[in-house]
């Protein structure tokens, strides 16, 4: 039963798994004998054997009656994995091909502009926050304003996550590059240490759009938020047990509150010092 369950976990049906295990035990068998040993109905056994052959885990001999042999498990499982991988790739390629068509169909569905909606939800855990932040560009049309507090330094980042320093900055730079290259303005206010580290990364980028659309300033402040197009706000939720750690993140759709945050950002931007 354990072997059959393992094969079913690999994607085989009950009949296919039972037939392979029985054939492995028999060595070589006719379809009739295999049907009896595996409890696969005679009316189904040829269909099952044909499927196993297509998966690359059973061989047959062109005799009368036809003889079948199971491939050794190491080879059979490798062939089965390769077949499933190939099928999955075909499905993904097909889905990718249809995405534009599907998106066009849904574009005809009327929906309200999110800037006039008041809505919020929370994300818990830093790994989930990083995933959600990657989708921020999908909703951005013009501008991303980032303000990080004086406690947000390279040292605290390193203490709060198992992601190493290089991967953190690769993530930040990669997302900023995507936005800037699409013509979006990126303005970041953060502690001096972090800003200069980011500048070193951006200086290696040769894209004219990136150099034109990314602005960095440093300032020690207590504010902590990201504002997208004056209407979408990302607010970190600090851990009550350890305020230097992030517990989660609040995402808010609110044009009115976003306008107030934009005013606060502009005040901080005037106070902040440019990177020379």
Foldseek 3Di string as FASTA:
>chain_A
DVQLVVVVVLPDDSQLSLLLVQLAVVFKDFLVVSCVRSVPDSVCSVVSQVVLVVLPQKDWDPDVVIMIGGDPPVRSVVSNVVVVVVVVVVVVVVCVVCVVVVVVVCVPPDDDDLLPDWDKDKFFDPVRVLVVVLCVLVNFDAEKEWEAAALDALVLVVVADPDDPVVVLVSVVVSLCVQQVVPHAYEYEEAPRVQVVNVVVLVVDPDPSSVVRYFYWYDHDDDGWMAGPLFKIKAFDADPVDRSYTGIIMITGYNVVSVVVVVVSVVVVVVTGGDD
